[in-house]
Amino acid sequence: MYAASKATLHAFARGWLNELKGRNIRVNVLHPGPIATPMQDQVLTEEARQMFESLIPRGKMGRPEEIAAAALFLASDDSSFVNGVELSVDGGFSAI
């Protein structure tokens, strides 16, 4: 179900990109990876967290601020020529 929802977002983005191009509206998809949150502290044991982090090429989970920085980049004029991309902000998790 999770993978299907990600594929659906990509399909929506492609459609919106074509529908909104005349209005100069850019459409991008931000795919966050495993992010350290207070909720994870409640549900993951230290051993489980370490095992999960060992699967991430960067070696640790991301921080919410790192996702926010990517979102701010996509919303800024610095990304004015970025359109129709799926940006994975996941420490390399999706590359393996």
PDB file of N, CA and C in Angstrom:
ATOM      1  N   MET A   1       0.825  -1.180   0.000  1.00  0.00           N
ATOM      2  CA  MET A   1       0.000   0.000   0.000  1.00  0.00           C
ATOM      3  C   MET A   1       0.876   1.254   0.000  1.00  0.00           C
ATOM      4  N   TYR A   2       1.960   1.226   0.778  1.00  0.00           N
ATOM      5  CA  TYR A   2       2.846   2.383   0.862  1.00  0.00           C
ATOM      6  C   TYR A   2       3.483   2.665  -0.497  1.00  0.00           C
ATOM      7  N   ALA A   3       3.988   1.625  -1.154  1.00  0.00           N
ATOM      8  CA  ALA A   3       4.612   1.793  -2.472  1.00  0.00           C
ATOM      9  C   ALA A   3       3.593   2.284  -3.492  1.00  0.00           C
ATOM     10  N   ALA A   4       2.380   1.777  -3.400  1.00  0.00           N
ATOM     11  CA  ALA A   4       1.335   2.213  -4.326  1.00  0.00           C
ATOM     12  C   ALA A   4       1.011   3.689  -4.137  1.00  0.00           C
ATOM     13  N   SER A   5       1.008   4.151  -2.896  1.00  0.00           N
ATOM     14  CA  SER A   5       0.709   5.565  -2.656  1.00  0.00           C
ATOM     15  C   SER A   5       1.829   6.448  -3.199  1.00  0.00           C
ATOM     16  N   LYS A   6       3.088   5.984  -3.112  1.00  0.00           N
ATOM     17  CA  LYS A   6       4.189   6.763  -3.684  1.00  0.00           C
ATOM     18  C   LYS A   6       4.079   6.827  -5.203  1.00  0.00           C
ATOM     19  N   ALA A   7       3.709   5.718  -5.821  1.00  0.00           N
ATOM     20  CA  ALA A   7       3.536   5.702  -7.274  1.00  0.00           C
ATOM     21  C   ALA A   7       2.384   6.608  -7.687  1.00  0.00           C
ATOM     22  N   THR A   8       1.357   6.650  -6.874  1.00  0.00           N
ATOM     23  CA  THR A   8       0.215   7.520  -7.167  1.00  0.00           C
ATOM     24  C   THR A   8       0.630   8.984  -7.124  1.00  0.00           C
ATOM     25  N   LEU A   9       1.443   9.353  -6.150  1.00  0.00           N
ATOM     26  CA  LEU A   9       1.929  10.734  -6.078  1.00  0.00           C
ATOM     27  C   LEU A   9       2.701  11.109  -7.338  1.00  0.00           C
ATOM     28  N   HIS A  10       3.540  10.188  -7.801  1.00  0.00           N
ATOM     29  CA  HIS A  10       4.307  10.441  -9.026  1.00  0.00           C
ATOM     30  C   HIS A  10       3.357  10.635 -10.212  1.00  0.00           C
ATOM     31  N   ALA A  11       2.338   9.818 -10.316  1.00  0.00           N
ATOM     32  CA  ALA A  11       1.371   9.945 -11.412  1.00  0.00           C
ATOM     33  C   ALA A  11       0.610  11.269 -11.322  1.00  0.00           C
ATOM     34  N   PHE A  12       0.177  11.635 -10.125  1.00  0.00           N
ATOM     35  CA  PHE A  12      -0.482  12.934  -9.942  1.00  0.00           C
ATOM     36  C   PHE A  12       0.441  14.064 -10.374  1.00  0.00           C
ATOM     37  N   ALA A  13       1.691  14.010  -9.940  1.00  0.00           N
ATOM     38  CA  ALA A  13       2.646  15.079 -10.252  1.00  0.00           C
ATOM     39  C   ALA A  13       2.828  15.226 -11.755  1.00  0.00           C
ATOM     40  N   ARG A  14       2.934  14.114 -12.470  1.00  0.00           N
ATOM     41  CA  ARG A  14       3.082  14.194 -13.933  1.00  0.00           C
ATOM     42  C   ARG A  14       1.868  14.844 -14.566  1.00  0.00           C
ATOM     43  N   GLY A  15       0.692  14.477 -14.109  1.00  0.00           N
ATOM     44  CA  GLY A  15      -0.526  15.086 -14.639  1.00  0.00           C
ATOM     45  C   GLY A  15      -0.611  16.559 -14.322  1.00  0.00           C
ATOM     46  N   TRP A  16      -0.340  16.906 -13.071  1.00  0.00           N
ATOM     47  CA  TRP A  16      -0.398  18.313 -12.664  1.00  0.00           C
ATOM     48  C   TRP A  16       0.644  19.145 -13.395  1.00  0.00           C
ATOM     49  N   LEU A  17       1.817  18.572 -13.623  1.00  0.00           N
ATOM     50  CA  LEU A  17       2.878  19.282 -14.339  1.00  0.00           C
ATOM     51  C   LEU A  17       2.378  19.733 -15.707  1.00  0.00           C
ATOM     52  N   ASN A  18       1.739  18.841 -16.412  1.00  0.00           N
ATOM     53  CA  ASN A  18       1.217  19.193 -17.739  1.00  0.00           C
ATOM     54  C   ASN A  18       0.035  20.153 -17.673  1.00  0.00           C
ATOM     55  N   GLU A  19      -0.817  19.969 -16.689  1.00  0.00           N
ATOM     56  CA  GLU A  19      -1.989  20.836 -16.572  1.00  0.00           C
ATOM     57  C   GLU A  19      -1.636  22.246 -16.111  1.00  0.00           C
ATOM     58  N   LEU A  20      -0.577  22.404 -15.347  1.00  0.00           N
ATOM     59  CA  LEU A  20      -0.250  23.699 -14.745  1.00  0.00           C
ATOM     60  C   LEU A  20       0.883  24.439 -15.442  1.00  0.00           C
ATOM     61  N   LYS A  21       1.453  23.858 -16.484  1.00  0.00           N
ATOM     62  CA  LYS A  21       2.613  24.495 -17.118  1.00  0.00           C
ATOM     63  C   LYS A  21       2.306  25.876 -17.677  1.00  0.00           C
ATOM     64  N   GLY A  22       1.115  26.116 -18.149  1.00  0.00           N
ATOM     65  CA  GLY A  22       0.742  27.417 -18.680  1.00  0.00           C
ATOM     66  C   GLY A  22       0.602  28.484 -17.611  1.00  0.00           C
ATOM     67  N   ARG A  23       0.530  28.067 -16.359  1.00  0.00           N
ATOM     68  CA  ARG A  23       0.379  29.014 -15.249  1.00  0.00           C
ATOM     69  C   ARG A  23       1.695  29.220 -14.507  1.00  0.00           C
ATOM     70  N   ASN A  24       2.796  28.669 -15.052  1.00  0.00           N
ATOM     71  CA  ASN A  24       4.120  28.779 -14.425  1.00  0.00           C
ATOM     72  C   ASN A  24       4.157  28.229 -13.003  1.00  0.00           C
ATOM     73  N   ILE A  25       3.432  27.144 -12.806  1.00  0.00           N
ATOM     74  CA  ILE A  25       3.445  26.461 -11.516  1.00  0.00           C
ATOM     75  C   ILE A  25       4.287  25.203 -11.671  1.00  0.00           C
ATOM     76  N   ARG A  26       5.308  25.088 -10.826  1.00  0.00           N
ATOM     77  CA  ARG A  26       6.174  23.911 -10.855  1.00  0.00           C
ATOM     78  C   ARG A  26       5.604  22.828  -9.950  1.00  0.00           C
ATOM     79  N   VAL A  27       5.815  21.579 -10.344  1.00  0.00           N
ATOM     80  CA  VAL A  27       5.336  20.444  -9.566  1.00  0.00           C
ATOM     81  C   VAL A  27       6.502  19.485  -9.339  1.00  0.00           C
ATOM     82  N   ASN A  28       6.822  19.242  -8.087  1.00  0.00           N
ATOM     83  CA  ASN A  28       7.875  18.298  -7.720  1.00  0.00           C
ATOM     84  C   ASN A  28       7.357  17.432  -6.580  1.00  0.00           C
ATOM     85  N   VAL A  29       7.964  16.276  -6.421  1.00  0.00           N
ATOM     86  CA  VAL A  29       7.579  15.364  -5.347  1.00  0.00           C
ATOM     87  C   VAL A  29       8.778  15.179  -4.418  1.00  0.00           C
ATOM     88  N   LEU A  30       8.561  15.352  -3.148  1.00  0.00           N
ATOM     89  CA  LEU A  30       9.600  15.191  -2.142  1.00  0.00           C
ATOM     90  C   LEU A  30       9.364  13.859  -1.424  1.00  0.00           C
ATOM     91  N   HIS A  31      10.344  12.958  -1.522  1.00  0.00           N
ATOM     92  CA  HIS A  31      10.260  11.655  -0.870  1.00  0.00           C
ATOM     93  C   HIS A  31      11.195  11.632   0.332  1.00  0.00           C
ATOM     94  N   PRO A  32      10.658  11.851   1.519  1.00  0.00           N
ATOM     95  CA  PRO A  32      11.525  11.770   2.691  1.00  0.00           C
ATOM     96  C   PRO A  32      11.836  10.319   3.027  1.00  0.00           C
ATOM     97  N   GLY A  33      12.995  10.103   3.577  1.00  0.00           N
ATOM     98  CA  GLY A  33      13.386   8.774   4.014  1.00  0.00           C
ATOM     99  C   GLY A  33      13.119   8.603   5.490  1.00  0.00           C
ATOM    100  N   PRO A  34      13.834   7.678   6.105  1.00  0.00           N
ATOM    101  CA  PRO A  34      13.647   7.443   7.530  1.00  0.00           C
ATOM    102  C   PRO A  34      14.127   8.648   8.345  1.00  0.00           C
ATOM    103  N   ILE A  35      13.221   9.221   9.108  1.00  0.00           N
ATOM    104  CA  ILE A  35      13.502  10.433   9.864  1.00  0.00           C
ATOM    105  C   ILE A  35      13.347  10.145  11.356  1.00  0.00           C
ATOM    106  N   ALA A  36      14.326  10.560  12.120  1.00  0.00           N
ATOM    107  CA  ALA A  36      14.281  10.395  13.572  1.00  0.00           C
ATOM    108  C   ALA A  36      13.235  11.338  14.151  1.00  0.00           C
ATOM    109  N   THR A  37      12.272  10.775  14.817  1.00  0.00           N
ATOM    110  CA  THR A  37      11.214  11.566  15.438  1.00  0.00           C
ATOM    111  C   THR A  37      11.003  11.079  16.868  1.00  0.00           C
ATOM    112  N   PRO A  38      10.378  11.888  17.712  1.00  0.00           N
ATOM    113  CA  PRO A  38      10.085  11.435  19.073  1.00  0.00           C
ATOM    114  C   PRO A  38       9.238  10.159  19.097  1.00  0.00           C
ATOM    115  N   MET A  39       8.362   9.988  18.110  1.00  0.00           N
ATOM    116  CA  MET A  39       7.520   8.792  18.080  1.00  0.00           C
ATOM    117  C   MET A  39       8.367   7.529  17.915  1.00  0.00           C
ATOM    118  N   GLN A  40       9.449   7.622  17.128  1.00  0.00           N
ATOM    119  CA  GLN A  40      10.307   6.455  16.963  1.00  0.00           C
ATOM    120  C   GLN A  40      10.932   6.044  18.288  1.00  0.00           C
ATOM    121  N   ASP A  41      11.248   7.004  19.116  1.00  0.00           N
ATOM    122  CA  ASP A  41      11.801   6.689  20.428  1.00  0.00           C
ATOM    123  C   ASP A  41      10.820   5.861  21.257  1.00  0.00           C
ATOM    124  N   GLN A  42       9.543   6.032  20.986  1.00  0.00           N
ATOM    125  CA  GLN A  42       8.515   5.308  21.728  1.00  0.00           C
ATOM    126  C   GLN A  42       8.289   3.894  21.192  1.00  0.00           C
ATOM    127  N   VAL A  43       8.527   3.687  19.891  1.00  0.00           N
ATOM    128  CA  VAL A  43       8.185   2.391  19.295  1.00  0.00           C
ATOM    129  C   VAL A  43       9.386   1.522  18.937  1.00  0.00           C
ATOM    130  N   LEU A  44      10.568   2.104  18.825  1.00  0.00           N
ATOM    131  CA  LEU A  44      11.742   1.321  18.457  1.00  0.00           C
ATOM    132  C   LEU A  44      12.655   1.120  19.659  1.00  0.00           C
ATOM    133  N   THR A  45      13.096  -0.108  19.818  1.00  0.00           N
ATOM    134  CA  THR A  45      14.131  -0.350  20.818  1.00  0.00           C
ATOM    135  C   THR A  45      15.444   0.185  20.261  1.00  0.00           C
ATOM    136  N   GLU A  46      16.432   0.363  21.113  1.00  0.00           N
ATOM    137  CA  GLU A  46      17.743   0.838  20.651  1.00  0.00           C
ATOM    138  C   GLU A  46      18.328  -0.142  19.635  1.00  0.00           C
ATOM    139  N   GLU A  47      18.163  -1.418  19.882  1.00  0.00           N
ATOM    140  CA  GLU A  47      18.674  -2.435  18.957  1.00  0.00           C
ATOM    141  C   GLU A  47      17.976  -2.335  17.592  1.00  0.00           C
ATOM    142  N   ALA A  48      16.667  -2.149  17.589  1.00  0.00           N
ATOM    143  CA  ALA A  48      15.924  -2.024  16.335  1.00  0.00           C
ATOM    144  C   ALA A  48      16.345  -0.763  15.583  1.00  0.00           C
ATOM    145  N   ARG A  49      16.534   0.341  16.308  1.00  0.00           N
ATOM    146  CA  ARG A  49      16.955   1.585  15.664  1.00  0.00           C
ATOM    147  C   ARG A  49      18.328   1.421  15.016  1.00  0.00           C
ATOM    148  N   GLN A  50      19.250   0.790  15.721  1.00  0.00           N
ATOM    149  CA  GLN A  50      20.590   0.575  15.166  1.00  0.00           C
ATOM    150  C   GLN A  50      20.549  -0.324  13.935  1.00  0.00           C
ATOM    151  N   MET A  51      19.722  -1.364  13.968  1.00  0.00           N
ATOM    152  CA  MET A  51      19.584  -2.253  12.822  1.00  0.00           C
ATOM    153  C   MET A  51      19.028  -1.489  11.620  1.00  0.00           C
ATOM    154  N   PHE A  52      18.020  -0.668  11.870  1.00  0.00           N
ATOM    155  CA  PHE A  52      17.410   0.110  10.794  1.00  0.00           C
ATOM    156  C   PHE A  52      18.411   1.103  10.222  1.00  0.00           C
ATOM    157  N   GLU A  53      19.152   1.776  11.089  1.00  0.00           N
ATOM    158  CA  GLU A  53      20.138   2.750  10.625  1.00  0.00           C
ATOM    159  C   GLU A  53      21.272   2.088   9.846  1.00  0.00           C
ATOM    160  N   SER A  54      21.558   0.826  10.130  1.00  0.00           N
ATOM    161  CA  SER A  54      22.621   0.127   9.395  1.00  0.00           C
ATOM    162  C   SER A  54      22.246  -0.086   7.928  1.00  0.00           C
ATOM    163  N   LEU A  55      20.961   0.016   7.608  1.00  0.00           N
ATOM    164  CA  LEU A  55      20.498  -0.138   6.224  1.00  0.00           C
ATOM    165  C   LEU A  55      20.605   1.156   5.419  1.00  0.00           C
ATOM    166  N   ILE A  56      20.836   2.263   6.096  1.00  0.00           N
ATOM    167  CA  ILE A  56      20.908   3.576   5.451  1.00  0.00           C
ATOM    168  C   ILE A  56      22.370   3.860   5.119  1.00  0.00           C
ATOM    169  N   PRO A  57      22.707   4.095   3.849  1.00  0.00           N
ATOM    170  CA  PRO A  57      24.106   4.348   3.497  1.00  0.00           C
ATOM    171  C   PRO A  57      24.754   5.457   4.317  1.00  0.00           C
ATOM    172  N   ARG A  58      24.020   6.477   4.660  1.00  0.00           N
ATOM    173  CA  ARG A  58      24.557   7.563   5.472  1.00  0.00           C
ATOM    174  C   ARG A  58      24.879   7.108   6.887  1.00  0.00           C
ATOM    175  N   GLY A  59      24.242   6.030   7.341  1.00  0.00           N
ATOM    176  CA  GLY A  59      24.538   5.457   8.643  1.00  0.00           C
ATOM    177  C   GLY A  59      23.687   5.954   9.785  1.00  0.00           C
ATOM    178  N   LYS A  60      22.783   6.867   9.508  1.00  0.00           N
ATOM    179  CA  LYS A  60      21.869   7.336  10.554  1.00  0.00           C
ATOM    180  C   LYS A  60      20.624   7.917   9.904  1.00  0.00           C
ATOM    181  N   MET A  61      19.580   8.011  10.701  1.00  0.00           N
ATOM    182  CA  MET A  61      18.328   8.572  10.200  1.00  0.00           C
ATOM    183  C   MET A  61      18.468  10.076  10.025  1.00  0.00           C
ATOM    184  N   GLY A  62      17.616  10.604   9.169  1.00  0.00           N
ATOM    185  CA  GLY A  62      17.619  12.041   8.939  1.00  0.00           C
ATOM    186  C   GLY A  62      16.924  12.785  10.056  1.00  0.00           C
ATOM    187  N   ARG A  63      17.034  14.095   9.981  1.00  0.00           N
ATOM    188  CA  ARG A  63      16.371  14.979  10.935  1.00  0.00           C
ATOM    189  C   ARG A  63      15.253  15.728  10.206  1.00  0.00           C
ATOM    190  N   PRO A  64      14.187  16.080  10.894  1.00  0.00           N
ATOM    191  CA  PRO A  64      13.115  16.842  10.256  1.00  0.00           C
ATOM    192  C   PRO A  64      13.624  18.108   9.563  1.00  0.00           C
ATOM    193  N   GLU A  65      14.649  18.743  10.131  1.00  0.00           N
ATOM    194  CA  GLU A  65      15.198  19.968   9.544  1.00  0.00           C
ATOM    195  C   GLU A  65      15.789  19.713   8.158  1.00  0.00           C
ATOM    196  N   GLU A  66      16.285  18.505   7.923  1.00  0.00           N
ATOM    197  CA  GLU A  66      16.853  18.185   6.613  1.00  0.00           C
ATOM    198  C   GLU A  66      15.764  18.069   5.547  1.00  0.00           C
ATOM    199  N   ILE A  67      14.621  17.552   5.925  1.00  0.00           N
ATOM    200  CA  ILE A  67      13.489  17.490   4.999  1.00  0.00           C
ATOM    201  C   ILE A  67      12.978  18.907   4.734  1.00  0.00           C
ATOM    202  N   ALA A  68      12.888  19.700   5.799  1.00  0.00           N
ATOM    203  CA  ALA A  68      12.429  21.088   5.657  1.00  0.00           C
ATOM    204  C   ALA A  68      13.342  21.880   4.732  1.00  0.00           C
ATOM    205  N   ALA A  69      14.659  21.659   4.831  1.00  0.00           N
ATOM    206  CA  ALA A  69      15.603  22.384   3.970  1.00  0.00           C
ATOM    207  C   ALA A  69      15.382  22.025   2.498  1.00  0.00           C
ATOM    208  N   ALA A  70      15.115  20.764   2.220  1.00  0.00           N
ATOM    209  CA  ALA A  70      14.852  20.356   0.835  1.00  0.00           C
ATOM    210  C   ALA A  70      13.544  20.970   0.334  1.00  0.00           C
ATOM    211  N   ALA A  71      12.527  20.995   1.189  1.00  0.00           N
ATOM    212  CA  ALA A  71      11.253  21.602   0.811  1.00  0.00           C
ATOM    213  C   ALA A  71      11.409  23.097   0.552  1.00  0.00           C
ATOM    214  N   LEU A  72      12.181  23.765   1.401  1.00  0.00           N
ATOM    215  CA  LEU A  72      12.427  25.199   1.200  1.00  0.00           C
ATOM    216  C   LEU A  72      13.167  25.457  -0.109  1.00  0.00           C
ATOM    217  N   PHE A  73      14.122  24.579  -0.428  1.00  0.00           N
ATOM    218  CA  PHE A  73      14.827  24.722  -1.709  1.00  0.00           C
ATOM    219  C   PHE A  73      13.836  24.620  -2.864  1.00  0.00           C
ATOM    220  N   LEU A  74      12.979  23.609  -2.839  1.00  0.00           N
ATOM    221  CA  LEU A  74      12.021  23.441  -3.930  1.00  0.00           C
ATOM    222  C   LEU A  74      11.035  24.601  -4.013  1.00  0.00           C
ATOM    223  N   ALA A  75      10.757  25.238  -2.899  1.00  0.00           N
ATOM    224  CA  ALA A  75       9.819  26.366  -2.893  1.00  0.00           C
ATOM    225  C   ALA A  75      10.495  27.695  -3.242  1.00  0.00           C
ATOM    226  N   SER A  76      11.812  27.702  -3.281  1.00  0.00           N
ATOM    227  CA  SER A  76      12.534  28.952  -3.495  1.00  0.00           C
ATOM    228  C   SER A  76      12.836  29.205  -4.973  1.00  0.00           C
ATOM    229  N   ASP A  77      13.262  30.433  -5.252  1.00  0.00           N
ATOM    230  CA  ASP A  77      13.678  30.777  -6.613  1.00  0.00           C
ATOM    231  C   ASP A  77      14.952  30.057  -7.020  1.00  0.00           C
ATOM    232  N   ASP A  78      15.713  29.531  -6.057  1.00  0.00           N
ATOM    233  CA  ASP A  78      16.924  28.775  -6.378  1.00  0.00           C
ATOM    234  C   ASP A  78      16.614  27.521  -7.188  1.00  0.00           C
ATOM    235  N   SER A  79      15.383  27.040  -7.114  1.00  0.00           N
ATOM    236  CA  SER A  79      15.001  25.844  -7.857  1.00  0.00           C
ATOM    237  C   SER A  79      14.068  26.187  -9.023  1.00  0.00           C
ATOM    238  N   SER A  80      14.183  27.382  -9.549  1.00  0.00           N
ATOM    239  CA  SER A  80      13.245  27.844 -10.580  1.00  0.00           C
ATOM    240  C   SER A  80      13.237  26.988 -11.839  1.00  0.00           C
ATOM    241  N   PHE A  81      14.308  26.252 -12.108  1.00  0.00           N
ATOM    242  CA  PHE A  81      14.360  25.404 -13.303  1.00  0.00           C
ATOM    243  C   PHE A  81      14.187  23.930 -12.946  1.00  0.00           C
ATOM    244  N   VAL A  82      13.825  23.664 -11.702  1.00  0.00           N
ATOM    245  CA  VAL A  82      13.564  22.296 -11.238  1.00  0.00           C
ATOM    246  C   VAL A  82      12.068  22.061 -11.342  1.00  0.00           C
ATOM    247  N   ASN A  83      11.690  21.125 -12.190  1.00  0.00           N
ATOM    248  CA  ASN A  83      10.266  20.880 -12.418  1.00  0.00           C
ATOM    249  C   ASN A  83      10.072  19.423 -12.813  1.00  0.00           C
ATOM    250  N   GLY A  84       9.124  18.773 -12.166  1.00  0.00           N
ATOM    251  CA  GLY A  84       8.807  17.397 -12.509  1.00  0.00           C
ATOM    252  C   GLY A  84       9.757  16.365 -11.934  1.00  0.00           C
ATOM    253  N   VAL A  85      10.451  16.697 -10.849  1.00  0.00           N
ATOM    254  CA  VAL A  85      11.397  15.749 -10.270  1.00  0.00           C
ATOM    255  C   VAL A  85      10.813  15.079  -9.032  1.00  0.00           C
ATOM    256  N   GLU A  86      11.346  13.918  -8.744  1.00  0.00           N
ATOM    257  CA  GLU A  86      11.083  13.235  -7.489  1.00  0.00           C
ATOM    258  C   GLU A  86      12.380  13.312  -6.700  1.00  0.00           C
ATOM    259  N   LEU A  87      12.397  14.112  -5.671  1.00  0.00           N
ATOM    260  CA  LEU A  87      13.599  14.321  -4.878  1.00  0.00           C
ATOM    261  C   LEU A  87      13.560  13.429  -3.646  1.00  0.00           C
ATOM    262  N   SER A  88      14.467  12.463  -3.605  1.00  0.00           N
ATOM    263  CA  SER A  88      14.571  11.574  -2.451  1.00  0.00           C
ATOM    264  C   SER A  88      15.545  12.179  -1.450  1.00  0.00           C
ATOM    265  N   VAL A  89      15.050  12.485  -0.287  1.00  0.00           N
ATOM    266  CA  VAL A  89      15.866  13.024   0.784  1.00  0.00           C
ATOM    267  C   VAL A  89      15.886  11.934   1.850  1.00  0.00           C
ATOM    268  N   ASP A  90      16.795  10.962   1.626  1.00  0.00           N
ATOM    269  CA  ASP A  90      16.725   9.744   2.425  1.00  0.00           C
ATOM    270  C   ASP A  90      18.084   9.151   2.802  1.00  0.00           C
ATOM    271  N   GLY A  91      19.122   9.935   2.702  1.00  0.00           N
ATOM    272  CA  GLY A  91      20.447   9.438   3.072  1.00  0.00           C
ATOM    273  C   GLY A  91      20.971   8.328   2.183  1.00  0.00           C
ATOM    274  N   GLY A  92      20.386   8.182   1.003  1.00  0.00           N
ATOM    275  CA  GLY A  92      20.796   7.135   0.072  1.00  0.00           C
ATOM    276  C   GLY A  92      20.003   5.847   0.194  1.00  0.00           C
ATOM    277  N   PHE A  93      18.998   5.834   1.074  1.00  0.00           N
ATOM    278  CA  PHE A  93      18.219   4.617   1.345  1.00  0.00           C
ATOM    279  C   PHE A  93      17.578   4.041   0.088  1.00  0.00           C
ATOM    280  N   SER A  94      17.024   4.909  -0.759  1.00  0.00           N
ATOM    281  CA  SER A  94      16.329   4.409  -1.960  1.00  0.00           C
ATOM    282  C   SER A  94      17.297   3.980  -3.064  1.00  0.00           C
ATOM    283  N   ALA A  95      18.571   4.300  -2.914  1.00  0.00           N
ATOM    284  CA  ALA A  95      19.553   3.954  -3.944  1.00  0.00           C
ATOM    285  C   ALA A  95      20.064   2.513  -3.794  1.00  0.00           C
ATOM    286  N   ILE A  96      19.772   1.897  -2.664  1.00  0.00           N
ATOM    287  CA  ILE A  96      20.276   0.531  -2.476  1.00  0.00           C
ATOM    288  C   ILE A  96      19.183  -0.492  -2.637  1.00  0.00           C
TER     289      ILE A  96
END
